[in-house]
């Protein structure tokens, strides 16, 4: 997944009303882990080995700990169960649709910012 797509998803997660407060690195690891798992047979589980392939082990361990404390992930044997089913469903959509929706969200935010005066 491209970095700009990851950061767009992180920004979307930050703007959720019921979202727990997480560090930017934990959100990035979360998005990258979900992006990895949606292409597997079990999209709600990420193994320890797959998680370590995303980033260095010390980074993923701290992010996983933070995500578990926020109850976004749950520890399981040899990995983690991801409890963010909304993000899993969203990331399971086609990449073209995701890009289009991300563009629409950015456009909506820009048009609703204080830069434009309604006519």
N, C-alpha and C. Protein backbone atom coordinates (compact mmCIF):
# COMPACT_ATOMS: atom_id res chain seq x y z
N UNK A 1 0.85 -1.17 0.00
CA UNK A 1 0.00 0.00 0.00
C UNK A 1 0.90 1.24 0.00
N UNK A 2 0.55 2.21 -0.83
CA UNK A 2 1.34 3.43 -0.93
C UNK A 2 1.22 4.25 0.35
N UNK A 3 2.27 5.01 0.65
CA UNK A 3 2.28 5.81 1.87
C UNK A 3 1.16 6.84 1.91
N UNK A 4 0.87 7.48 0.78
CA UNK A 4 -0.20 8.48 0.79
C UNK A 4 -1.56 7.85 1.08
N UNK A 5 -1.77 6.63 0.62
CA UNK A 5 -3.02 5.93 0.93
C UNK A 5 -3.08 5.56 2.41
N UNK A 6 -1.94 5.15 2.96
CA UNK A 6 -1.89 4.81 4.39
C UNK A 6 -2.22 6.06 5.21
N UNK A 7 -1.61 7.18 4.87
CA UNK A 7 -1.84 8.40 5.65
C UNK A 7 -3.26 8.92 5.49
N UNK A 8 -3.87 8.71 4.33
CA UNK A 8 -5.28 9.09 4.17
C UNK A 8 -6.17 8.25 5.08
N UNK A 9 -5.88 6.96 5.18
CA UNK A 9 -6.65 6.09 6.07
C UNK A 9 -6.42 6.45 7.54
N UNK A 10 -5.18 6.81 7.89
CA UNK A 10 -4.88 7.22 9.26
C UNK A 10 -5.67 8.48 9.62
N UNK A 11 -5.72 9.43 8.71
CA UNK A 11 -6.50 10.65 8.96
C UNK A 11 -7.98 10.34 9.12
N UNK A 12 -8.49 9.43 8.33
CA UNK A 12 -9.89 9.02 8.46
C UNK A 12 -10.14 8.39 9.82
N UNK A 13 -9.21 7.54 10.27
CA UNK A 13 -9.36 6.90 11.58
C UNK A 13 -9.30 7.92 12.71
N UNK A 14 -8.48 8.94 12.57
CA UNK A 14 -8.38 9.98 13.60
C UNK A 14 -9.68 10.77 13.74
N UNK A 15 -10.41 10.90 12.65
CA UNK A 15 -11.63 11.70 12.66
C UNK A 15 -12.86 10.92 13.10
N UNK A 16 -12.71 9.63 13.36
CA UNK A 16 -13.85 8.85 13.86
C UNK A 16 -14.32 9.40 15.20
N UNK A 17 -15.62 9.40 15.38
CA UNK A 17 -16.18 9.94 16.62
C UNK A 17 -15.87 9.06 17.83
N UNK A 18 -15.98 7.74 17.67
CA UNK A 18 -15.80 6.82 18.78
C UNK A 18 -14.40 6.22 18.84
N UNK A 19 -13.47 6.76 18.09
CA UNK A 19 -12.15 6.15 18.02
C UNK A 19 -11.34 6.41 19.29
N UNK A 20 -10.62 5.39 19.75
CA UNK A 20 -9.74 5.61 20.90
C UNK A 20 -8.54 6.46 20.47
N UNK A 21 -7.95 7.16 21.40
CA UNK A 21 -6.79 7.98 21.10
C UNK A 21 -5.57 7.09 20.98
N UNK A 22 -4.99 7.06 19.80
CA UNK A 22 -3.82 6.24 19.52
C UNK A 22 -2.73 7.10 18.91
N UNK A 23 -1.50 6.68 19.08
CA UNK A 23 -0.37 7.41 18.49
C UNK A 23 -0.40 7.24 16.97
N UNK A 24 0.22 8.16 16.25
CA UNK A 24 0.26 8.05 14.78
C UNK A 24 0.93 6.76 14.30
N UNK A 25 1.98 6.31 14.97
CA UNK A 25 2.66 5.09 14.54
C UNK A 25 1.78 3.87 14.76
N UNK A 26 1.01 3.85 15.86
CA UNK A 26 0.10 2.72 16.10
C UNK A 26 -1.00 2.69 15.04
N UNK A 27 -1.51 3.85 14.67
CA UNK A 27 -2.52 3.89 13.60
C UNK A 27 -1.93 3.44 12.27
N UNK A 28 -0.70 3.85 11.99
CA UNK A 28 -0.07 3.43 10.74
C UNK A 28 0.13 1.92 10.71
N UNK A 29 0.62 1.34 11.81
CA UNK A 29 0.80 -0.12 11.88
C UNK A 29 -0.55 -0.81 11.73
N UNK A 30 -1.58 -0.25 12.35
CA UNK A 30 -2.93 -0.82 12.26
C UNK A 30 -3.41 -0.86 10.81
N UNK A 31 -3.26 0.26 10.10
CA UNK A 31 -3.71 0.33 8.70
C UNK A 31 -2.90 -0.62 7.83
N UNK A 32 -1.59 -0.65 8.03
CA UNK A 32 -0.75 -1.55 7.22
C UNK A 32 -1.05 -3.02 7.53
N UNK A 33 -1.35 -3.33 8.79
CA UNK A 33 -1.69 -4.72 9.15
C UNK A 33 -3.01 -5.13 8.53
N UNK A 34 -4.00 -4.25 8.58
CA UNK A 34 -5.30 -4.57 7.98
C UNK A 34 -5.15 -4.70 6.46
N UNK A 35 -4.35 -3.83 5.85
CA UNK A 35 -4.12 -3.93 4.41
C UNK A 35 -3.49 -5.27 4.07
N UNK A 36 -2.60 -5.76 4.91
CA UNK A 36 -1.98 -7.06 4.68
C UNK A 36 -2.99 -8.20 4.86
N UNK A 37 -3.80 -8.13 5.91
CA UNK A 37 -4.69 -9.25 6.23
C UNK A 37 -5.90 -9.37 5.31
N UNK A 38 -6.34 -8.28 4.70
CA UNK A 38 -7.52 -8.39 3.83
C UNK A 38 -7.24 -9.22 2.59
N UNK A 39 -5.97 -9.47 2.31
CA UNK A 39 -5.60 -10.29 1.16
C UNK A 39 -5.32 -11.73 1.55
N UNK A 40 -5.68 -12.11 2.78
CA UNK A 40 -5.46 -13.48 3.26
C UNK A 40 -6.80 -14.17 3.47
N UNK A 41 -6.75 -15.43 3.86
CA UNK A 41 -7.99 -16.17 4.09
C UNK A 41 -8.67 -15.77 5.40
N UNK A 42 -7.93 -15.20 6.33
CA UNK A 42 -8.50 -14.77 7.61
C UNK A 42 -8.19 -13.28 7.81
N UNK A 43 -9.06 -12.40 7.33
CA UNK A 43 -8.75 -10.96 7.35
C UNK A 43 -8.75 -10.31 8.73
N UNK A 44 -9.21 -11.00 9.76
CA UNK A 44 -9.24 -10.40 11.10
C UNK A 44 -8.09 -10.91 11.98
N UNK A 45 -7.11 -11.58 11.40
CA UNK A 45 -5.99 -12.12 12.18
C UNK A 45 -4.68 -11.77 11.50
N UNK A 46 -3.73 -11.28 12.29
CA UNK A 46 -2.37 -11.07 11.77
C UNK A 46 -1.40 -11.81 12.67
N UNK A 47 -0.55 -12.60 12.04
CA UNK A 47 0.42 -13.39 12.80
C UNK A 47 1.58 -12.50 13.24
N UNK A 48 2.32 -12.98 14.22
CA UNK A 48 3.49 -12.24 14.70
C UNK A 48 4.52 -12.06 13.59
N UNK A 49 4.71 -13.08 12.77
CA UNK A 49 5.68 -13.00 11.67
C UNK A 49 5.26 -11.97 10.63
N UNK A 50 3.98 -11.96 10.29
CA UNK A 50 3.49 -10.99 9.31
C UNK A 50 3.58 -9.57 9.86
N UNK A 51 3.33 -9.42 11.15
CA UNK A 51 3.43 -8.11 11.77
C UNK A 51 4.87 -7.62 11.77
N UNK A 52 5.82 -8.51 12.03
CA UNK A 52 7.23 -8.12 12.02
C UNK A 52 7.73 -7.82 10.61
N UNK A 53 7.03 -8.31 9.58
CA UNK A 53 7.40 -8.00 8.20
C UNK A 53 6.96 -6.58 7.82
N UNK A 54 6.01 -6.02 8.56
CA UNK A 54 5.52 -4.68 8.27
C UNK A 54 6.51 -3.61 8.72
N UNK A 55 7.07 -3.80 9.89
CA UNK A 55 8.02 -2.84 10.48
C UNK A 55 8.94 -3.59 11.42
N UNK A 56 10.00 -2.94 11.92
CA UNK A 56 10.88 -3.62 12.88
C UNK A 56 10.11 -4.10 14.11
N UNK A 57 10.59 -5.17 14.70
CA UNK A 57 9.88 -5.82 15.81
C UNK A 57 9.65 -4.88 16.99
N UNK A 58 10.60 -4.02 17.32
CA UNK A 58 10.42 -3.13 18.47
C UNK A 58 9.30 -2.13 18.21
N UNK A 59 9.12 -1.72 16.97
CA UNK A 59 8.05 -0.77 16.63
C UNK A 59 6.70 -1.47 16.67
N UNK A 60 6.62 -2.65 16.06
CA UNK A 60 5.34 -3.36 16.01
C UNK A 60 4.91 -3.85 17.38
N UNK A 61 5.87 -4.20 18.23
CA UNK A 61 5.52 -4.66 19.58
C UNK A 61 4.86 -3.54 20.37
N UNK A 62 5.44 -2.35 20.32
CA UNK A 62 4.86 -1.21 21.06
C UNK A 62 3.51 -0.81 20.47
N UNK A 63 3.40 -0.82 19.14
CA UNK A 63 2.13 -0.48 18.51
C UNK A 63 1.06 -1.52 18.84
N UNK A 64 1.43 -2.79 18.83
CA UNK A 64 0.48 -3.85 19.17
C UNK A 64 0.03 -3.74 20.62
N UNK A 65 0.95 -3.40 21.51
CA UNK A 65 0.60 -3.21 22.91
C UNK A 65 -0.40 -2.06 23.06
N UNK A 66 -0.14 -0.97 22.39
CA UNK A 66 -1.04 0.18 22.44
C UNK A 66 -2.41 -0.16 21.85
N UNK A 67 -2.43 -0.89 20.74
CA UNK A 67 -3.69 -1.28 20.11
C UNK A 67 -4.47 -2.27 20.99
N UNK A 68 -3.76 -3.13 21.70
CA UNK A 68 -4.43 -4.07 22.62
C UNK A 68 -5.02 -3.33 23.81
N UNK A 69 -4.29 -2.36 24.34
CA UNK A 69 -4.80 -1.58 25.47
C UNK A 69 -6.03 -0.77 25.09
N UNK A 70 -6.09 -0.35 23.83
CA UNK A 70 -7.25 0.39 23.34
C UNK A 70 -8.38 -0.54 22.88
N UNK A 71 -8.13 -1.85 22.98
CA UNK A 71 -9.08 -2.89 22.59
C UNK A 71 -9.46 -2.85 21.11
N UNK A 72 -8.51 -2.40 20.30
CA UNK A 72 -8.67 -2.46 18.85
C UNK A 72 -8.18 -3.81 18.35
N UNK A 73 -7.15 -4.35 19.02
CA UNK A 73 -6.63 -5.68 18.76
C UNK A 73 -6.76 -6.50 20.03
N UNK A 74 -6.77 -7.82 19.87
CA UNK A 74 -6.77 -8.75 21.00
C UNK A 74 -5.70 -9.79 20.75
N UNK A 75 -4.94 -10.10 21.78
CA UNK A 75 -3.87 -11.09 21.66
C UNK A 75 -4.46 -12.48 21.49
N UNK A 76 -3.91 -13.23 20.55
CA UNK A 76 -4.30 -14.61 20.30
C UNK A 76 -3.02 -15.44 20.20
N UNK A 77 -3.16 -16.73 20.06
CA UNK A 77 -2.00 -17.59 19.92
C UNK A 77 -1.28 -17.26 18.61
N UNK A 78 -0.02 -16.93 18.70
CA UNK A 78 0.84 -16.63 17.54
C UNK A 78 0.42 -15.40 16.75
N UNK A 79 -0.31 -14.47 17.35
CA UNK A 79 -0.68 -13.27 16.62
C UNK A 79 -1.73 -12.44 17.33
N UNK A 80 -2.46 -11.68 16.55
CA UNK A 80 -3.47 -10.77 17.08
C UNK A 80 -4.75 -10.87 16.27
N UNK A 81 -5.88 -10.72 16.95
CA UNK A 81 -7.18 -10.64 16.29
C UNK A 81 -7.52 -9.16 16.19
N UNK A 82 -7.86 -8.71 15.01
CA UNK A 82 -8.18 -7.30 14.77
C UNK A 82 -9.68 -7.13 14.93
N UNK A 83 -10.07 -6.25 15.84
CA UNK A 83 -11.49 -6.06 16.16
C UNK A 83 -12.11 -4.88 15.42
N UNK A 84 -11.37 -4.25 14.54
CA UNK A 84 -11.87 -3.08 13.79
C UNK A 84 -12.50 -3.57 12.48
N UNK A 85 -13.71 -4.09 12.58
CA UNK A 85 -14.37 -4.68 11.41
C UNK A 85 -14.77 -3.64 10.37
N UNK A 86 -15.02 -2.41 10.79
CA UNK A 86 -15.33 -1.36 9.83
C UNK A 86 -14.16 -1.09 8.90
N UNK A 87 -12.96 -1.03 9.46
CA UNK A 87 -11.78 -0.81 8.63
C UNK A 87 -11.50 -2.02 7.75
N UNK A 88 -11.71 -3.21 8.27
CA UNK A 88 -11.50 -4.42 7.46
C UNK A 88 -12.44 -4.42 6.26
N UNK A 89 -13.70 -4.10 6.49
CA UNK A 89 -14.67 -4.03 5.39
C UNK A 89 -14.28 -2.95 4.39
N UNK A 90 -13.87 -1.81 4.90
CA UNK A 90 -13.48 -0.69 4.03
C UNK A 90 -12.26 -1.05 3.18
N UNK A 91 -11.27 -1.66 3.80
CA UNK A 91 -10.04 -1.99 3.08
C UNK A 91 -10.24 -3.16 2.12
N UNK A 92 -11.30 -3.93 2.31
CA UNK A 92 -11.58 -5.05 1.41
C UNK A 92 -12.14 -4.58 0.07
N UNK A 93 -12.56 -3.34 0.00
CA UNK A 93 -13.08 -2.80 -1.26
C UNK A 93 -11.94 -2.68 -2.27
N UNK A 94 -12.30 -2.47 -3.51
CA UNK A 94 -11.28 -2.36 -4.56
C UNK A 94 -10.44 -1.10 -4.36
N UNK A 95 -9.17 -1.14 -4.77
CA UNK A 95 -8.30 0.03 -4.61
C UNK A 95 -8.80 1.25 -5.37
N UNK A 96 -9.42 1.05 -6.53
CA UNK A 96 -9.93 2.18 -7.30
C UNK A 96 -11.05 2.87 -6.54
N UNK A 97 -11.94 2.10 -5.97
CA UNK A 97 -13.03 2.68 -5.19
C UNK A 97 -12.51 3.41 -3.96
N UNK A 98 -11.50 2.83 -3.29
CA UNK A 98 -10.91 3.48 -2.12
C UNK A 98 -10.28 4.81 -2.49
N UNK A 99 -9.56 4.85 -3.63
CA UNK A 99 -8.94 6.10 -4.07
C UNK A 99 -9.99 7.15 -4.38
N UNK A 100 -11.07 6.73 -5.03
CA UNK A 100 -12.15 7.66 -5.36
C UNK A 100 -12.80 8.21 -4.08
N UNK A 101 -13.07 7.34 -3.11
CA UNK A 101 -13.66 7.79 -1.86
C UNK A 101 -12.71 8.70 -1.09
N UNK A 102 -11.42 8.39 -1.11
CA UNK A 102 -10.43 9.25 -0.43
C UNK A 102 -10.38 10.62 -1.09
N UNK A 103 -10.44 10.65 -2.43
CA UNK A 103 -10.46 11.93 -3.14
C UNK A 103 -11.71 12.73 -2.78
N UNK A 104 -12.84 12.06 -2.72
CA UNK A 104 -14.09 12.75 -2.35
C UNK A 104 -14.03 13.31 -0.94
N UNK A 105 -13.44 12.54 -0.01
CA UNK A 105 -13.29 13.03 1.38
C UNK A 105 -12.40 14.25 1.43
N UNK A 106 -11.26 14.22 0.71
CA UNK A 106 -10.36 15.37 0.70
C UNK A 106 -11.04 16.58 0.08
N UNK A 107 -11.77 16.38 -1.02
CA UNK A 107 -12.48 17.46 -1.67
C UNK A 107 -13.55 18.06 -0.75
N UNK A 108 -14.28 17.20 -0.06
CA UNK A 108 -15.32 17.65 0.87
C UNK A 108 -14.71 18.50 1.99
N UNK A 109 -13.59 18.02 2.56
CA UNK A 109 -12.92 18.79 3.62
C UNK A 109 -12.44 20.13 3.12
N UNK A 110 -11.89 20.16 1.91
CA UNK A 110 -11.38 21.40 1.33
C UNK A 110 -12.51 22.38 1.07
N UNK A 111 -13.61 21.89 0.52
CA UNK A 111 -14.73 22.78 0.22
C UNK A 111 -15.42 23.30 1.49
N UNK A 112 -15.35 22.51 2.56
CA UNK A 112 -15.98 22.93 3.81
C UNK A 112 -15.02 23.63 4.76
N UNK A 113 -13.82 23.90 4.30
CA UNK A 113 -12.87 24.64 5.13
C UNK A 113 -13.21 26.12 5.07
N UNK A 114 -12.49 26.90 5.80
CA UNK A 114 -12.75 28.35 5.85
C UNK A 114 -12.19 29.09 4.64
N UNK A 115 -11.60 28.37 3.69
CA UNK A 115 -11.01 29.02 2.52
C UNK A 115 -12.05 29.46 1.50
N UNK A 116 -13.21 28.80 1.48
CA UNK A 116 -14.21 29.09 0.47
C UNK A 116 -15.42 29.76 1.10
N UNK A 117 -15.90 30.79 0.43
CA UNK A 117 -17.09 31.49 0.88
C UNK A 117 -18.27 31.02 0.02
N UNK A 118 -19.32 30.52 0.64
CA UNK A 118 -20.46 30.04 -0.16
C UNK A 118 -21.13 31.20 -0.91
N UNK A 119 -21.63 30.89 -2.07
CA UNK A 119 -22.30 31.94 -2.87
C UNK A 119 -23.77 32.01 -2.56
